Amino acid sequence: MRILSKEDARELSSGKPLDVFIAQLSSQLPLVEGTYSAPVNSGVQIALSKLFAYLLLRDSPVCLYVTCWGVAMEHLDMFNGYRRSLGEKRPLIDAPVHLFERTDEDAFISVLCMVFFFSWDASVFDLAGRSLLQTSHDGWLEVRTTDPVLLKDVVGELEKYRISLLAR
């Protein structure tokens, strides 16, 4: 896993500002079913983190960009301690982008779990531009993709864990 500033991450998004790149992905990729209620059960959050790791890290590096934190109850020291254990000393505000390769599956699961646990806003996308997962502190998540396998598996798993649609 590499941890990057937003400016350093521009090279990953064809030189575009990361927020512009994500907005373009959001407008180009079809929404899977609709907006879902974010899972609140930690077991489900872990299971979904493992599912997204398995599905998203298959063919392309993946970025997890934390866009908002500190809104709900959280223990930021746990997140900072995890990053420090990897040698990262910069605060989240200075380096909010996490880049994962296939071999970083455990790290991806850990960071995505904390995003779910803390109800943070985040965008997770593969560098091939096929998929985008967005989470919100407002209690929702959306998945957008052109990958038929991801679409089928995500819908099935969200139904399995009884994660309800908020809107279609």
C-alpha atoms as a PDB file:
ATOM      1  CA  MET A   1       0.000   0.000   0.000  1.00  0.00           C
ATOM      2  CA  ARG A   2       1.141   3.490  -0.805  1.00  0.00           C
ATOM      3  CA  ILE A   3      -0.304   6.534   0.941  1.00  0.00           C
ATOM      4  CA  LEU A   4      -0.467   9.687  -1.154  1.00  0.00           C
ATOM      5  CA  SER A   5      -1.442  13.313  -0.959  1.00  0.00           C
ATOM      6  CA  LYS A   6      -4.231  14.469  -3.264  1.00  0.00           C
ATOM      7  CA  GLU A   7      -1.619  16.232  -5.383  1.00  0.00           C
ATOM      8  CA  ASP A   8       0.508  13.080  -5.699  1.00  0.00           C
ATOM      9  CA  ALA A   9      -2.610  11.117  -6.666  1.00  0.00           C
ATOM     10  CA  ARG A  10      -3.162  13.345  -9.721  1.00  0.00           C
ATOM     11  CA  GLU A  11      -0.727  11.187 -11.660  1.00  0.00           C
ATOM     12  CA  LEU A  12      -3.104   8.245 -11.112  1.00  0.00           C
ATOM     13  CA  SER A  13      -6.071  10.161 -12.533  1.00  0.00           C
ATOM     14  CA  SER A  14      -4.487  11.290 -15.820  1.00  0.00           C
ATOM     15  CA  GLY A  15      -3.390  14.585 -14.285  1.00  0.00           C
ATOM     16  CA  LYS A  16      -6.915  15.587 -13.288  1.00  0.00           C
ATOM     17  CA  PRO A  17      -7.708  16.710  -9.753  1.00  0.00           C
ATOM     18  CA  LEU A  18      -8.908  13.639  -7.875  1.00  0.00           C
ATOM     19  CA  ASP A  19     -12.323  15.117  -7.073  1.00  0.00           C
ATOM     20  CA  VAL A  20     -12.896  15.899 -10.771  1.00  0.00           C
ATOM     21  CA  PHE A  21     -11.825  12.387 -11.776  1.00  0.00           C
ATOM     22  CA  ILE A  22     -14.233  10.827  -9.246  1.00  0.00           C
ATOM     23  CA  ALA A  23     -17.083  13.098 -10.351  1.00  0.00           C
ATOM     24  CA  GLN A  24     -16.484  11.976 -13.942  1.00  0.00           C
ATOM     25  CA  LEU A  25     -16.472   8.311 -12.911  1.00  0.00           C
ATOM     26  CA  SER A  26     -19.690   8.861 -10.973  1.00  0.00           C
ATOM     27  CA  SER A  27     -21.396  10.386 -13.996  1.00  0.00           C
ATOM     28  CA  GLN A  28     -20.090   7.770 -16.463  1.00  0.00           C
ATOM     29  CA  LEU A  29     -20.566   4.520 -14.541  1.00  0.00           C
ATOM     30  CA  PRO A  30     -24.061   3.075 -14.095  1.00  0.00           C
ATOM     31  CA  LEU A  31     -25.406   2.840 -10.551  1.00  0.00           C
ATOM     32  CA  VAL A  32     -25.893  -0.700  -9.244  1.00  0.00           C
ATOM     33  CA  GLU A  33     -29.588  -0.978  -8.279  1.00  0.00           C
ATOM     34  CA  GLY A  34     -29.678   2.300  -6.293  1.00  0.00           C
ATOM     35  CA  THR A  35     -28.433   3.909  -3.104  1.00  0.00           C
ATOM     36  CA  TYR A  36     -28.067   1.449  -0.242  1.00  0.00           C
ATOM     37  CA  SER A  37     -28.257   1.917   3.488  1.00  0.00           C
ATOM     38  CA  ALA A  38     -24.738   1.642   4.922  1.00  0.00           C
ATOM     39  CA  PRO A  39     -24.265  -1.452   7.079  1.00  0.00           C
ATOM     40  CA  VAL A  40     -24.061  -0.737  10.804  1.00  0.00           C
ATOM     41  CA  ASN A  41     -23.183  -4.247  12.007  1.00  0.00           C
ATOM     42  CA  SER A  42     -19.396  -4.663  12.265  1.00  0.00           C
ATOM     43  CA  GLY A  43     -19.580  -8.264  11.033  1.00  0.00           C
ATOM     44  CA  VAL A  44     -21.362  -7.126   7.873  1.00  0.00           C
ATOM     45  CA  GLN A  45     -18.914  -4.231   7.454  1.00  0.00           C
ATOM     46  CA  ILE A  46     -16.007  -6.690   7.591  1.00  0.00           C
ATOM     47  CA  ALA A  47     -17.701  -9.116   5.201  1.00  0.00           C
ATOM     48  CA  LEU A  48     -18.363  -6.320   2.679  1.00  0.00           C
ATOM     49  CA  SER A  49     -14.786  -5.045   3.008  1.00  0.00           C
ATOM     50  CA  LYS A  50     -13.542  -8.552   2.158  1.00  0.00           C
ATOM     51  CA  LEU A  51     -15.973  -8.794  -0.750  1.00  0.00           C
ATOM     52  CA  PHE A  52     -14.880  -5.455  -2.212  1.00  0.00           C
ATOM     53  CA  ALA A  53     -11.218  -6.411  -1.768  1.00  0.00           C
ATOM     54  CA  TYR A  54     -11.797  -9.644  -3.645  1.00  0.00           C
ATOM     55  CA  LEU A  55     -13.782  -8.008  -6.435  1.00  0.00           C
ATOM     56  CA  LEU A  56     -11.942  -4.718  -6.907  1.00  0.00           C
ATOM     57  CA  LEU A  57      -8.323  -5.831  -6.555  1.00  0.00           C
ATOM     58  CA  ARG A  58      -8.605  -8.591  -9.184  1.00  0.00           C
ATOM     59  CA  ASP A  59      -7.264  -6.806 -12.244  1.00  0.00           C
ATOM     60  CA  SER A  60      -6.231  -3.277 -11.401  1.00  0.00           C
ATOM     61  CA  PRO A  61      -4.744  -1.206  -8.590  1.00  0.00           C
ATOM     62  CA  VAL A  62      -7.392   0.421  -6.391  1.00  0.00           C
ATOM     63  CA  CYS A  63      -7.491   3.800  -4.648  1.00  0.00           C
ATOM     64  CA  LEU A  64      -9.334   4.494  -1.429  1.00  0.00           C
ATOM     65  CA  TYR A  65      -9.685   8.229  -0.946  1.00  0.00           C
ATOM     66  CA  VAL A  66     -11.010   9.390   2.420  1.00  0.00           C
ATOM     67  CA  THR A  67     -12.874  12.627   1.740  1.00  0.00           C
ATOM     68  CA  CYS A  68     -14.537  13.429   5.074  1.00  0.00           C
ATOM     69  CA  TRP A  69     -13.974  12.324   8.647  1.00  0.00           C
ATOM     70  CA  GLY A  70     -14.621  13.638  12.129  1.00  0.00           C
ATOM     71  CA  VAL A  71     -18.377  13.895  11.627  1.00  0.00           C
ATOM     72  CA  ALA A  72     -19.450  10.952  13.780  1.00  0.00           C
ATOM     73  CA  MET A  73     -17.953   9.074  16.690  1.00  0.00           C
ATOM     74  CA  GLU A  74     -14.542   7.712  15.801  1.00  0.00           C
ATOM     75  CA  HIS A  75     -11.234   6.828  17.314  1.00  0.00           C
ATOM     76  CA  LEU A  76      -8.815   8.535  14.947  1.00  0.00           C
ATOM     77  CA  ASP A  77      -5.856   7.373  17.021  1.00  0.00           C
ATOM     78  CA  MET A  78      -6.586   3.812  15.863  1.00  0.00           C
ATOM     79  CA  PHE A  79      -6.459   4.885  12.212  1.00  0.00           C
ATOM     80  CA  ASN A  80      -3.346   7.028  12.712  1.00  0.00           C
ATOM     81  CA  GLY A  81      -1.692   4.211  14.665  1.00  0.00           C
ATOM     82  CA  TYR A  82      -2.365   1.807  11.808  1.00  0.00           C
ATOM     83  CA  ARG A  83      -0.810   4.224   9.333  1.00  0.00           C
ATOM     84  CA  ARG A  84       2.170   4.881  11.630  1.00  0.00           C
ATOM     85  CA  SER A  85       2.754   1.122  11.824  1.00  0.00           C
ATOM     86  CA  LEU A  86       3.262   1.291   8.053  1.00  0.00           C
ATOM     87  CA  GLY A  87       5.703   4.201   8.344  1.00  0.00           C
ATOM     88  CA  GLU A  88       3.205   6.968   7.471  1.00  0.00           C
ATOM     89  CA  LYS A  89       3.667  10.031   9.672  1.00  0.00           C
ATOM     90  CA  ARG A  90       1.520  12.544   7.782  1.00  0.00           C
ATOM     91  CA  PRO A  91      -1.964  13.283   9.089  1.00  0.00           C
ATOM     92  CA  LEU A  92      -4.979  12.134   7.096  1.00  0.00           C
ATOM     93  CA  ILE A  93      -5.683  15.667   5.873  1.00  0.00           C
ATOM     94  CA  ASP A  94      -2.254  15.757   4.168  1.00  0.00           C
ATOM     95  CA  ALA A  95      -2.355  12.223   2.750  1.00  0.00           C
ATOM     96  CA  PRO A  96      -5.931  10.947   2.313  1.00  0.00           C
ATOM     97  CA  VAL A  97      -5.339   8.622  -0.670  1.00  0.00           C
ATOM     98  CA  HIS A  98      -4.434   4.957  -0.226  1.00  0.00           C
ATOM     99  CA  LEU A  99      -3.269   2.995  -3.275  1.00  0.00           C
ATOM    100  CA  PHE A 100      -3.532  -0.801  -3.140  1.00  0.00           C
ATOM    101  CA  GLU A 101      -2.138  -3.527  -5.386  1.00  0.00           C
ATOM    102  CA  ARG A 102      -3.412  -7.123  -5.460  1.00  0.00           C
ATOM    103  CA  THR A 103      -0.842  -8.078  -2.806  1.00  0.00           C
ATOM    104  CA  ASP A 104      -2.255  -5.422  -0.431  1.00  0.00           C
ATOM    105  CA  GLU A 105      -5.584  -7.183   0.116  1.00  0.00           C
ATOM    106  CA  ASP A 106      -5.302  -7.305   3.917  1.00  0.00           C
ATOM    107  CA  ALA A 107      -4.380  -3.622   4.122  1.00  0.00           C
ATOM    108  CA  PHE A 108      -7.301  -2.731   1.850  1.00  0.00           C
ATOM    109  CA  ILE A 109      -9.705  -4.692   4.044  1.00  0.00           C
ATOM    110  CA  SER A 110      -8.346  -2.974   7.168  1.00  0.00           C
ATOM    111  CA  VAL A 111      -8.662   0.554   5.798  1.00  0.00           C
ATOM    112  CA  LEU A 112     -12.109  -0.034   4.276  1.00  0.00           C
ATOM    113  CA  CYS A 113     -13.285  -1.568   7.571  1.00  0.00           C
ATOM    114  CA  MET A 114     -12.245   1.591   9.403  1.00  0.00           C
ATOM    115  CA  VAL A 115     -14.072   3.716   6.829  1.00  0.00           C
ATOM    116  CA  PHE A 116     -17.224   1.677   7.504  1.00  0.00           C
ATOM    117  CA  PHE A 117     -16.677   1.557  11.298  1.00  0.00           C
ATOM    118  CA  PHE A 118     -16.220   5.332  11.538  1.00  0.00           C
ATOM    119  CA  SER A 119     -18.913   6.230   8.956  1.00  0.00           C
ATOM    120  CA  TRP A 120     -16.494   8.235   6.847  1.00  0.00           C
ATOM    121  CA  ASP A 121     -17.037   9.616   3.380  1.00  0.00           C
ATOM    122  CA  ALA A 122     -14.775   7.804   0.956  1.00  0.00           C
ATOM    123  CA  SER A 123     -14.431   6.971  -2.709  1.00  0.00           C
ATOM    124  CA  VAL A 124     -12.949   3.643  -3.739  1.00  0.00           C
ATOM    125  CA  PHE A 125     -12.146   3.125  -7.399  1.00  0.00           C
ATOM    126  CA  ASP A 126     -10.038   0.921  -9.611  1.00  0.00           C
ATOM    127  CA  LEU A 127      -7.490   2.659 -11.808  1.00  0.00           C
ATOM    128  CA  ALA A 128      -8.987   0.996 -14.883  1.00  0.00           C
ATOM    129  CA  GLY A 129     -12.074   3.173 -14.306  1.00  0.00           C
ATOM    130  CA  ARG A 130     -14.564   0.276 -14.235  1.00  0.00           C
ATOM    131  CA  SER A 131     -15.860   0.609 -10.683  1.00  0.00           C
ATOM    132  CA  LEU A 132     -16.585   3.180  -7.989  1.00  0.00           C
ATOM    133  CA  LEU A 133     -17.757   2.601  -4.422  1.00  0.00           C
ATOM    134  CA  GLN A 134     -18.797   5.657  -2.421  1.00  0.00           C
ATOM    135  CA  THR A 135     -19.639   5.754   1.273  1.00  0.00           C
ATOM    136  CA  SER A 136     -21.142   8.592   3.266  1.00  0.00           C
ATOM    137  CA  HIS A 137     -21.353   9.638   6.883  1.00  0.00           C
ATOM    138  CA  ASP A 138     -25.044  10.157   6.137  1.00  0.00           C
ATOM    139  CA  GLY A 139     -25.503   6.381   6.241  1.00  0.00           C
ATOM    140  CA  TRP A 140     -25.500   5.393   2.580  1.00  0.00           C
ATOM    141  CA  LEU A 141     -23.286   3.695   0.032  1.00  0.00           C
ATOM    142  CA  GLU A 142     -23.373   3.457  -3.722  1.00  0.00           C
ATOM    143  CA  VAL A 143     -21.664   1.132  -6.151  1.00  0.00           C
ATOM    144  CA  ARG A 144     -21.193   2.044  -9.785  1.00  0.00           C
ATOM    145  CA  THR A 145     -19.670  -0.330 -12.306  1.00  0.00           C
ATOM    146  CA  THR A 146     -19.505  -1.599 -15.849  1.00  0.00           C
ATOM    147  CA  ASP A 147     -18.142  -4.954 -14.621  1.00  0.00           C
ATOM    148  CA  PRO A 148     -20.935  -7.581 -14.875  1.00  0.00           C
ATOM    149  CA  VAL A 149     -19.274  -9.901 -12.324  1.00  0.00           C
ATOM    150  CA  LEU A 150     -18.978  -7.094  -9.773  1.00  0.00           C
ATOM    151  CA  LEU A 151     -22.568  -6.059 -10.401  1.00  0.00           C
ATOM    152  CA  LYS A 152     -23.935  -9.583  -9.876  1.00  0.00           C
ATOM    153  CA  ASP A 153     -21.798 -10.330  -6.821  1.00  0.00           C
ATOM    154  CA  VAL A 154     -22.425  -7.001  -5.086  1.00  0.00           C
ATOM    155  CA  VAL A 155     -26.183  -7.192  -5.542  1.00  0.00           C
ATOM    156  CA  GLY A 156     -26.214 -10.780  -4.262  1.00  0.00           C
ATOM    157  CA  GLU A 157     -24.101  -9.992  -1.196  1.00  0.00           C
ATOM    158  CA  LEU A 158     -26.032  -6.857  -0.290  1.00  0.00           C
ATOM    159  CA  GLU A 159     -29.252  -8.875  -0.477  1.00  0.00           C
ATOM    160  CA  LYS A 160     -27.677 -11.715   1.530  1.00  0.00           C
ATOM    161  CA  TYR A 161     -26.823  -9.314   4.364  1.00  0.00           C
ATOM    162  CA  ARG A 162     -30.220  -7.604   4.083  1.00  0.00           C
ATOM    163  CA  ILE A 163     -28.766  -4.233   3.243  1.00  0.00           C
ATOM    164  CA  SER A 164     -31.715  -2.243   2.032  1.00  0.00           C
ATOM    165  CA  LEU A 165     -32.052   0.172  -0.807  1.00  0.00           C
ATOM    166  CA  LEU A 166     -32.731   3.783   0.171  1.00  0.00           C
ATOM    167  CA  ALA A 167     -33.501   4.877  -3.367  1.00  0.00           C
ATOM    168  CA  ARG A 168     -33.514   3.571  -6.923  1.00  0.00           C
END
